[in-house]
N, C-alpha and C. Protein backbone atom coordinates (compact mmCIF):
# COMPACT_ATOMS: atom_id res chain seq x y z
N MET A 1 0.83 -1.19 0.00
CA MET A 1 0.00 0.00 0.00
C MET A 1 0.87 1.26 0.00
N ASP A 2 2.00 1.22 0.72
CA ASP A 2 2.87 2.38 0.75
C ASP A 2 3.47 2.67 -0.62
N ILE A 3 3.79 1.62 -1.36
CA ILE A 3 4.36 1.80 -2.70
C ILE A 3 3.33 2.44 -3.61
N LEU A 4 2.09 1.97 -3.54
CA LEU A 4 1.01 2.52 -4.36
C LEU A 4 0.78 3.98 -4.01
N TRP A 5 0.76 4.28 -2.71
CA TRP A 5 0.56 5.67 -2.27
C TRP A 5 1.70 6.57 -2.76
N GLY A 6 2.92 6.07 -2.69
CA GLY A 6 4.07 6.83 -3.17
C GLY A 6 3.98 7.11 -4.67
N LEU A 7 3.53 6.14 -5.44
CA LEU A 7 3.38 6.34 -6.89
C LEU A 7 2.26 7.31 -7.22
N LEU A 8 1.16 7.22 -6.48
CA LEU A 8 0.03 8.11 -6.75
C LEU A 8 0.34 9.57 -6.39
N THR A 9 1.15 9.77 -5.36
CA THR A 9 1.45 11.14 -4.92
C THR A 9 2.79 11.65 -5.46
N LEU A 10 3.38 10.91 -6.37
CA LEU A 10 4.67 11.31 -6.94
C LEU A 10 4.64 12.70 -7.59
N PRO A 11 3.58 13.07 -8.29
CA PRO A 11 3.57 14.42 -8.87
C PRO A 11 3.65 15.55 -7.83
N TYR A 12 3.30 15.25 -6.59
CA TYR A 12 3.34 16.27 -5.54
C TYR A 12 4.68 16.31 -4.80
N ALA A 13 5.62 15.52 -5.20
CA ALA A 13 6.92 15.45 -4.53
C ALA A 13 7.64 16.81 -4.51
N PRO A 14 7.64 17.57 -5.64
CA PRO A 14 8.31 18.89 -5.57
C PRO A 14 7.67 19.82 -4.54
N VAL A 15 6.37 19.76 -4.42
CA VAL A 15 5.67 20.61 -3.45
C VAL A 15 6.06 20.20 -2.03
N ARG A 16 6.11 18.90 -1.76
CA ARG A 16 6.52 18.42 -0.43
C ARG A 16 7.96 18.82 -0.13
N GLY A 17 8.82 18.73 -1.13
CA GLY A 17 10.22 19.11 -0.94
C GLY A 17 10.36 20.60 -0.65
N LEU A 18 9.62 21.41 -1.41
CA LEU A 18 9.66 22.86 -1.20
C LEU A 18 9.13 23.22 0.19
N THR A 19 8.08 22.54 0.60
CA THR A 19 7.52 22.79 1.93
C THR A 19 8.54 22.45 3.02
N ALA A 20 9.25 21.38 2.85
CA ALA A 20 10.27 20.99 3.84
C ALA A 20 11.39 22.02 3.90
N VAL A 21 11.81 22.53 2.73
CA VAL A 21 12.87 23.54 2.70
C VAL A 21 12.40 24.83 3.36
N VAL A 22 11.18 25.23 3.10
CA VAL A 22 10.65 26.46 3.71
C VAL A 22 10.57 26.31 5.23
N LYS A 23 10.19 25.15 5.71
CA LYS A 23 10.12 24.92 7.16
C LYS A 23 11.51 25.02 7.80
N VAL A 24 12.52 24.48 7.13
CA VAL A 24 13.88 24.54 7.65
C VAL A 24 14.36 25.99 7.69
N ILE A 25 14.10 26.74 6.63
CA ILE A 25 14.52 28.15 6.58
C ILE A 25 13.81 28.95 7.66
N ALA A 26 12.52 28.73 7.84
CA ALA A 26 11.76 29.46 8.86
C ALA A 26 12.28 29.13 10.25
N ARG A 27 12.59 27.87 10.50
CA ARG A 27 13.11 27.46 11.81
C ARG A 27 14.46 28.12 12.09
N GLU A 28 15.32 28.17 11.08
CA GLU A 28 16.64 28.79 11.25
C GLU A 28 16.51 30.30 11.48
N ALA A 29 15.63 30.95 10.72
CA ALA A 29 15.42 32.39 10.91
C ALA A 29 14.89 32.69 12.31
N GLU A 30 14.00 31.86 12.78
CA GLU A 30 13.44 32.04 14.12
C GLU A 30 14.51 31.87 15.19
N SER A 31 15.37 30.89 15.01
CA SER A 31 16.42 30.67 16.02
C SER A 31 17.42 31.83 16.02
N GLN A 32 17.72 32.39 14.87
CA GLN A 32 18.63 33.54 14.82
C GLN A 32 17.98 34.79 15.39
N ARG A 33 16.69 34.94 15.19
CA ARG A 33 15.98 36.12 15.69
C ARG A 33 16.00 36.17 17.21
N TYR A 34 15.91 35.02 17.86
CA TYR A 34 15.84 34.97 19.31
C TYR A 34 17.16 34.56 19.96
N ASP A 35 18.23 34.50 19.20
CA ASP A 35 19.54 34.11 19.73
C ASP A 35 20.08 35.24 20.62
N PRO A 36 20.43 34.95 21.86
CA PRO A 36 20.93 36.00 22.76
C PRO A 36 22.16 36.73 22.23
N ALA A 37 23.03 36.04 21.48
CA ALA A 37 24.22 36.71 20.93
C ALA A 37 23.81 37.76 19.90
N ASN A 38 22.83 37.45 19.07
CA ASN A 38 22.36 38.42 18.08
C ASN A 38 21.65 39.59 18.75
N ILE A 39 20.93 39.31 19.80
CA ILE A 39 20.23 40.38 20.52
C ILE A 39 21.24 41.31 21.18
N ARG A 40 22.29 40.74 21.74
CA ARG A 40 23.34 41.57 22.36
C ARG A 40 24.00 42.46 21.30
N ARG A 41 24.27 41.89 20.11
CA ARG A 41 24.87 42.66 19.03
C ARG A 41 23.95 43.82 18.62
N GLU A 42 22.64 43.55 18.54
CA GLU A 42 21.69 44.61 18.19
C GLU A 42 21.69 45.72 19.24
N LEU A 43 21.75 45.34 20.50
CA LEU A 43 21.78 46.35 21.57
C LEU A 43 23.05 47.19 21.49
N GLU A 44 24.18 46.56 21.19
CA GLU A 44 25.43 47.30 21.04
C GLU A 44 25.37 48.24 19.84
N GLU A 45 24.75 47.81 18.75
CA GLU A 45 24.60 48.67 17.57
C GLU A 45 23.71 49.87 17.89
N LEU A 46 22.66 49.66 18.69
CA LEU A 46 21.80 50.77 19.09
C LEU A 46 22.56 51.78 19.95
N ASP A 47 23.37 51.28 20.87
CA ASP A 47 24.17 52.18 21.71
C ASP A 47 25.17 52.97 20.86
N ALA A 48 25.79 52.29 19.89
CA ALA A 48 26.75 52.98 19.02
C ALA A 48 26.05 54.03 18.16
N ALA A 49 24.86 53.72 17.67
CA ALA A 49 24.12 54.69 16.85
C ALA A 49 23.70 55.89 17.68
N ALA A 50 23.32 55.66 18.93
CA ALA A 50 22.94 56.77 19.80
C ALA A 50 24.16 57.62 20.15
N ALA A 51 25.30 56.98 20.37
CA ALA A 51 26.52 57.72 20.69
C ALA A 51 26.99 58.54 19.49
N ALA A 52 26.75 58.04 18.28
CA ALA A 52 27.15 58.77 17.07
C ALA A 52 26.14 59.85 16.69
N GLY A 53 25.00 59.89 17.39
CA GLY A 53 24.00 60.90 17.11
C GLY A 53 23.08 60.54 15.95
N GLU A 54 23.10 59.29 15.53
CA GLU A 54 22.25 58.86 14.42
C GLU A 54 20.79 58.72 14.85
N ILE A 55 20.57 58.36 16.11
CA ILE A 55 19.22 58.24 16.64
C ILE A 55 19.16 58.96 17.99
N THR A 56 17.96 59.34 18.40
CA THR A 56 17.80 60.03 19.67
C THR A 56 17.79 59.00 20.81
N SER A 57 17.94 59.49 22.01
CA SER A 57 17.95 58.57 23.16
C SER A 57 16.57 57.94 23.35
N GLN A 58 15.50 58.69 23.04
CA GLN A 58 14.16 58.12 23.17
C GLN A 58 13.95 56.99 22.15
N GLU A 59 14.44 57.21 20.94
CA GLU A 59 14.32 56.18 19.91
C GLU A 59 15.16 54.95 20.29
N ARG A 60 16.34 55.19 20.85
CA ARG A 60 17.17 54.09 21.31
C ARG A 60 16.48 53.28 22.39
N ASP A 61 15.88 54.00 23.37
CA ASP A 61 15.18 53.32 24.45
C ASP A 61 14.02 52.49 23.93
N LEU A 62 13.28 53.03 22.97
CA LEU A 62 12.15 52.31 22.40
C LEU A 62 12.62 51.04 21.68
N ARG A 63 13.65 51.17 20.88
CA ARG A 63 14.17 50.01 20.15
C ARG A 63 14.79 48.99 21.09
N GLN A 64 15.47 49.46 22.14
CA GLN A 64 16.04 48.53 23.12
C GLN A 64 14.93 47.73 23.80
N GLN A 65 13.84 48.40 24.13
CA GLN A 65 12.73 47.70 24.76
C GLN A 65 12.14 46.65 23.83
N GLN A 66 12.04 46.98 22.54
CA GLN A 66 11.53 46.01 21.58
C GLN A 66 12.44 44.80 21.46
N VAL A 67 13.75 45.04 21.46
CA VAL A 67 14.71 43.93 21.37
C VAL A 67 14.65 43.08 22.63
N LEU A 68 14.58 43.72 23.78
CA LEU A 68 14.52 42.97 25.04
C LEU A 68 13.21 42.20 25.17
N ASP A 69 12.12 42.76 24.66
CA ASP A 69 10.85 42.05 24.67
C ASP A 69 10.94 40.79 23.81
N ARG A 70 11.67 40.88 22.72
CA ARG A 70 11.87 39.72 21.87
C ARG A 70 12.67 38.65 22.61
N LEU A 71 13.64 39.07 23.41
CA LEU A 71 14.45 38.13 24.17
C LEU A 71 13.64 37.45 25.26
N THR A 72 12.83 38.22 25.96
CA THR A 72 12.06 37.66 27.07
C THR A 72 10.76 37.02 26.62
N GLY A 73 10.34 37.28 25.39
CA GLY A 73 9.12 36.67 24.89
C GLY A 73 7.87 37.45 25.23
N THR A 74 8.02 38.65 25.78
CA THR A 74 6.86 39.48 26.06
C THR A 74 6.58 40.34 24.86
N GLY A 75 5.37 40.79 24.75
CA GLY A 75 5.01 41.62 23.60
C GLY A 75 4.58 43.01 24.03
N GLY A 76 4.82 43.99 23.16
CA GLY A 76 4.33 45.35 23.38
C GLY A 76 4.94 46.05 24.56
N GLY A 77 6.22 45.86 24.82
CA GLY A 77 6.86 46.44 25.99
C GLY A 77 6.80 47.95 26.03
N ALA A 78 6.98 48.62 24.90
CA ALA A 78 6.98 50.07 24.88
C ALA A 78 5.57 50.63 24.92
N ARG A 79 4.59 49.77 24.73
CA ARG A 79 3.21 50.23 24.69
C ARG A 79 2.44 49.79 25.92
N ARG A 80 3.13 49.55 26.99
CA ARG A 80 2.46 49.10 28.20
C ARG A 80 1.55 50.20 28.73
N ALA A 81 0.41 49.79 29.19
CA ALA A 81 -0.55 50.75 29.74
C ALA A 81 -0.20 51.02 31.20
N ALA A 82 -0.69 52.13 31.67
CA ALA A 82 -0.48 52.48 33.07
C ALA A 82 -1.23 51.49 33.95
N PRO A 83 -0.77 51.29 35.19
CA PRO A 83 -1.47 50.37 36.07
C PRO A 83 -2.92 50.78 36.24
N GLY A 84 -3.81 49.83 36.11
CA GLY A 84 -5.24 50.12 36.24
C GLY A 84 -5.88 50.53 34.95
N ALA A 85 -5.10 50.81 33.92
CA ALA A 85 -5.67 51.20 32.64
C ALA A 85 -6.33 49.97 32.03
N GLY A 86 -7.42 50.19 31.35
CA GLY A 86 -8.10 49.09 30.72
C GLY A 86 -9.15 48.45 31.62
N ARG A 87 -9.15 48.82 32.89
CA ARG A 87 -10.18 48.31 33.78
C ARG A 87 -11.38 49.24 33.69
N PRO A 88 -12.56 48.67 33.59
CA PRO A 88 -13.74 49.54 33.49
C PRO A 88 -14.01 50.22 34.82
N ALA A 89 -14.55 51.40 34.74
CA ALA A 89 -14.93 52.13 35.94
C ALA A 89 -16.11 51.42 36.59
N PRO A 90 -16.28 51.57 37.91
CA PRO A 90 -17.43 50.94 38.56
C PRO A 90 -18.73 51.37 37.88
N GLY A 91 -19.56 50.39 37.55
CA GLY A 91 -20.83 50.69 36.91
C GLY A 91 -20.75 50.67 35.40
N ALA A 92 -19.54 50.60 34.85
CA ALA A 92 -19.39 50.61 33.40
C ALA A 92 -19.27 49.18 32.89
N ALA A 93 -19.64 48.99 31.67
CA ALA A 93 -19.47 47.72 30.96
C ALA A 93 -20.11 46.55 31.69
N GLY A 94 -21.31 46.75 32.19
CA GLY A 94 -22.04 45.65 32.80
C GLY A 94 -21.61 45.30 34.20
N ARG A 95 -20.79 46.13 34.80
CA ARG A 95 -20.37 45.88 36.18
C ARG A 95 -21.24 46.73 37.09
N PRO A 96 -22.17 46.14 37.82
CA PRO A 96 -23.06 46.95 38.66
C PRO A 96 -22.32 47.55 39.86
N VAL A 97 -22.78 48.70 40.22
CA VAL A 97 -22.23 49.37 41.40
C VAL A 97 -22.93 48.82 42.62
N ASN A 98 -22.18 48.47 43.62
CA ASN A 98 -22.75 47.97 44.86
C ASN A 98 -23.32 49.14 45.63
N ARG A 99 -24.65 49.19 45.73
CA ARG A 99 -25.30 50.34 46.35
C ARG A 99 -25.83 50.02 47.75
N ARG A 100 -25.40 48.92 48.32
CA ARG A 100 -25.83 48.61 49.68
C ARG A 100 -25.21 49.59 50.66
N ARG A 101 -25.98 49.97 51.60
CA ARG A 101 -25.47 50.87 52.62
C ARG A 101 -25.01 50.07 53.81
N ARG A 102 -23.96 50.54 54.39
CA ARG A 102 -23.43 49.86 55.58
C ARG A 102 -24.22 50.26 56.80
N GLY A 103 -24.30 49.36 57.73
CA GLY A 103 -24.97 49.68 59.00
C GLY A 103 -26.44 49.38 59.01
N ARG A 104 -27.03 48.87 57.99
CA ARG A 104 -28.47 48.56 57.99
C ARG A 104 -28.74 47.21 58.45
């Protein structure tokens, strides 16, 4: 049965081969993107660019945070909301306000 299946799917062999190559390339790119040595090199390049005046210190800080977020696996580091932001106010969004009075 395996021989028959191999013969029937032979025309799709180039597609399977291409898919395998793309998976290997994607895996390698992913490993290089998150490699601590590459991240350190990027941080050093950012510091050198800031020292040379090519970028501002705010831009350097933003890019450093993005690189460090990539290292730690967190997302949106420079766009973090203030503590308590995003929480609905009492009574908003279907959250009823507790109107019981104390002492009754």
